[in-house]
Amino acid sequence: MKRSIYLTLVLSLAAFAAMAQTYTVSNKTSKLEVFGTSTLHDWEIKAETVSGKADLTVDGTNVTINSLYFQLKGETLKSGKSSMDKNTYEALKTDDHPWIKYQLKTAKAEGGKLSTTGTLTIAGASKQVQMNVTPTVEGNKVSFKGKITFKMSDFKIDPPTALMGTIKTGDEVTISFDVQYTK
């Protein structure tokens, strides 16, 4: 009898541990950077503030994403150069569309990585994107690391220019991210 109760308790705890739980983005440890080119030099801009939630089932090192949402306010992207930041916010139309958002649609495990599809919204334009993401589990933290390259014009963004058009930004950008979610 005692053994049966103990076994039921152990199985119940194991089932509870593998249940989906809500995780929140850790702004302190998350990192998101945007890289691009221009006629003058390559450039990068970093997100100072990110937020989001995920409903995850974690079983050891295996992660199942039931839902995942991520966002950042466009004006938290900083290059260290106020004139570049101003041009970035203008190109992103942050007055009308202050948020850059990502909503996961599907995630399929493939050899230690996740093949994901989701909706990325930038400057008010939404587009379905695919990317490979590497999940890592450490205690109560789940990290998702990856990158995606696309053209700004895909989101109806005119690549910024400076000095009356003499400096032109390349259309292609790469977003590199290591977003940390904690329980």
Protein backbone atom coordinates (compact mmCIF):
# COMPACT_ATOMS: atom_id res chain seq x y z
CA MET A 1 0.00 0.00 0.00
CA LYS A 2 2.74 2.46 0.97
CA ARG A 3 4.66 1.56 -2.17
CA SER A 4 1.58 2.24 -4.31
CA ILE A 5 1.06 5.67 -2.71
CA TYR A 6 4.77 6.48 -3.13
CA LEU A 7 4.71 5.43 -6.81
CA THR A 8 1.57 7.51 -7.43
CA LEU A 9 3.22 10.51 -5.75
CA VAL A 10 6.42 10.14 -7.82
CA LEU A 11 4.46 9.80 -11.08
CA SER A 12 2.29 12.80 -10.17
CA LEU A 13 5.39 14.93 -9.45
CA ALA A 14 6.99 13.83 -12.74
CA ALA A 15 3.83 14.72 -14.65
CA PHE A 16 3.64 18.08 -12.85
CA ALA A 17 7.30 18.83 -13.68
CA ALA A 18 6.64 18.23 -17.38
CA MET A 19 3.53 20.43 -17.48
CA ALA A 20 3.56 23.69 -19.36
CA GLN A 21 4.59 26.70 -17.33
CA THR A 22 4.65 30.41 -18.05
CA TYR A 23 8.05 32.00 -18.57
CA THR A 24 8.81 35.72 -18.88
CA VAL A 25 11.63 37.40 -20.82
CA SER A 26 14.54 38.42 -18.63
CA ASN A 27 15.48 41.88 -19.89
CA LYS A 28 18.73 41.85 -17.89
CA THR A 29 20.21 38.79 -19.58
CA SER A 30 18.57 38.91 -23.03
CA LYS A 31 20.43 40.33 -26.00
CA LEU A 32 19.17 41.49 -29.39
CA GLU A 33 21.31 43.25 -31.99
CA VAL A 34 20.64 44.43 -35.54
CA PHE A 35 23.51 44.49 -38.06
CA GLY A 36 23.57 46.24 -41.42
CA THR A 37 25.69 48.01 -43.99
CA SER A 38 25.87 51.45 -45.54
CA THR A 39 27.90 53.21 -48.21
CA LEU A 40 30.09 54.58 -45.38
CA HIS A 41 30.53 51.65 -42.96
CA ASP A 42 28.86 48.63 -41.40
CA TRP A 43 26.65 49.44 -38.44
CA GLU A 44 24.94 47.82 -35.46
CA ILE A 45 22.20 48.82 -33.11
CA LYS A 46 21.21 47.14 -29.83
CA ALA A 47 17.89 46.74 -28.05
CA GLU A 48 17.99 48.13 -24.53
CA THR A 49 14.61 46.74 -23.48
CA VAL A 50 12.83 43.54 -24.51
CA SER A 51 9.73 41.84 -23.12
CA GLY A 52 7.56 38.82 -23.75
CA LYS A 53 6.07 35.60 -22.42
CA ALA A 54 6.22 31.94 -23.33
CA ASP A 55 4.22 28.89 -22.34
CA LEU A 56 6.86 26.13 -22.28
CA THR A 57 7.03 22.48 -21.34
CA VAL A 58 10.54 21.63 -20.18
CA ASP A 59 11.55 18.00 -19.67
CA GLY A 60 15.26 17.83 -18.88
CA THR A 61 16.94 19.57 -21.82
CA ASN A 62 13.94 19.13 -24.14
CA VAL A 63 11.77 22.19 -24.69
CA THR A 64 8.29 22.22 -26.20
CA ILE A 65 6.96 25.67 -27.03
CA ASN A 66 3.20 25.87 -26.61
CA SER A 67 3.15 29.62 -27.24
CA LEU A 68 5.74 32.37 -27.39
CA TYR A 69 5.53 36.14 -27.77
CA PHE A 70 8.31 38.68 -27.89
CA GLN A 71 8.34 42.44 -28.37
CA LEU A 72 10.47 45.51 -28.04
CA LYS A 73 9.72 49.18 -28.30
CA GLY A 74 11.42 50.51 -31.45
CA GLU A 75 12.83 53.53 -29.64
CA THR A 76 14.78 51.27 -27.26
CA LEU A 77 17.09 50.42 -30.17
CA LYS A 78 20.29 52.40 -29.58
CA SER A 79 23.42 52.77 -31.68
CA GLY A 80 25.29 55.24 -29.50
CA LYS A 81 24.80 57.92 -32.19
CA SER A 82 21.73 60.10 -31.75
CA SER A 83 21.49 61.04 -35.43
CA MET A 84 21.53 57.37 -36.48
CA ASP A 85 18.93 56.54 -33.83
CA LYS A 86 16.69 59.35 -35.10
CA ASN A 87 16.93 58.04 -38.68
CA THR A 88 16.21 54.51 -37.45
CA TYR A 89 13.06 55.58 -35.58
CA GLU A 90 11.88 57.54 -38.61
CA ALA A 91 12.42 54.51 -40.89
CA LEU A 92 10.63 52.24 -38.38
CA LYS A 93 7.73 54.73 -38.19
CA THR A 94 7.85 54.55 -34.39
CA ASP A 95 5.44 57.48 -34.01
CA ASP A 96 2.67 55.35 -35.56
CA HIS A 97 4.00 51.85 -34.83
CA PRO A 98 6.05 51.93 -31.62
CA TRP A 99 6.41 48.14 -31.18
CA ILE A 100 8.38 45.46 -33.01
CA LYS A 101 6.65 42.14 -32.31
CA TYR A 102 7.16 38.44 -32.90
CA GLN A 103 4.44 35.80 -32.38
CA LEU A 104 5.44 32.15 -32.76
CA LYS A 105 3.15 29.99 -34.90
CA THR A 106 4.99 26.62 -35.03
CA ALA A 107 8.15 25.05 -33.66
CA LYS A 108 9.47 21.67 -34.72
CA ALA A 109 12.45 19.97 -33.05
CA GLU A 110 15.22 19.04 -35.50
CA GLY A 111 18.50 17.72 -34.11
CA GLY A 112 18.92 19.95 -31.07
CA LYS A 113 17.46 22.99 -32.84
CA LEU A 114 13.96 24.25 -33.37
CA SER A 115 12.69 25.05 -36.84
CA THR A 116 10.25 27.87 -36.19
CA THR A 117 7.66 29.84 -38.10
CA GLY A 118 6.13 33.01 -36.76
CA THR A 119 4.79 36.45 -37.55
CA LEU A 120 7.24 39.34 -37.35
CA THR A 121 5.72 42.83 -37.29
CA ILE A 122 7.92 45.86 -37.95
CA ALA A 123 6.76 49.40 -38.79
CA GLY A 124 3.16 48.19 -38.96
CA ALA A 125 3.88 45.51 -41.60
CA SER A 126 3.59 41.82 -40.71
CA LYS A 127 5.33 38.96 -42.45
CA GLN A 128 5.63 35.25 -41.77
CA VAL A 129 9.28 34.32 -41.15
CA GLN A 130 11.16 31.09 -40.63
CA MET A 131 14.27 30.68 -38.53
CA ASN A 132 16.30 28.03 -36.77
CA VAL A 133 16.61 28.56 -33.05
CA THR A 134 18.82 26.81 -30.51
CA PRO A 135 17.15 26.28 -27.11
CA THR A 136 19.20 25.86 -23.94
CA VAL A 137 17.84 24.92 -20.52
CA GLU A 138 19.69 25.97 -17.35
CA GLY A 139 17.73 25.59 -14.12
CA ASN A 140 14.63 27.80 -14.33
CA LYS A 141 15.92 29.60 -17.44
CA VAL A 142 15.32 28.73 -21.10
CA SER A 143 17.35 30.58 -23.74
CA PHE A 144 16.52 30.84 -27.43
CA LYS A 145 19.44 31.83 -29.63
CA GLY A 146 19.43 32.48 -33.36
CA LYS A 147 19.49 35.00 -36.15
CA ILE A 148 17.43 36.03 -39.12
CA THR A 149 18.35 38.02 -42.22
CA PHE A 150 15.80 39.90 -44.32
CA LYS A 151 15.33 43.02 -46.38
CA MET A 152 13.86 46.12 -44.75
CA SER A 153 11.83 46.67 -47.93
CA ASP A 154 10.03 43.35 -47.19
CA PHE A 155 8.41 45.29 -44.33
CA LYS A 156 7.79 48.41 -46.43
CA ILE A 157 10.70 50.20 -44.76
CA ASP A 158 12.75 52.57 -46.87
CA PRO A 159 16.40 52.03 -45.86
CA PRO A 160 17.54 55.18 -44.05
CA THR A 161 19.81 57.75 -45.67
CA ALA A 162 21.91 60.56 -44.21
CA LEU A 163 23.62 63.74 -45.37
CA MET A 164 21.01 64.46 -48.02
CA GLY A 165 21.20 60.95 -49.45
CA THR A 166 24.98 60.73 -49.79
CA ILE A 167 25.11 57.96 -47.17
CA LYS A 168 22.73 55.08 -47.89
CA THR A 169 21.89 52.13 -45.70
CA GLY A 170 21.85 48.69 -47.31
CA ASP A 171 18.42 47.05 -47.57
CA GLU A 172 19.48 43.78 -45.89
CA VAL A 173 19.73 43.50 -42.10
CA THR A 174 20.50 40.65 -39.73
CA ILE A 175 18.93 40.35 -36.30
CA SER A 176 20.96 38.26 -33.86
CA PHE A 177 19.29 37.32 -30.58
CA ASP A 178 19.78 35.40 -27.36
CA VAL A 179 16.48 35.81 -25.55
CA GLN A 180 16.28 34.41 -22.02
CA TYR A 181 12.96 33.33 -20.51
CA THR A 182 12.67 32.57 -16.76
CA LYS A 183 9.93 31.04 -14.61
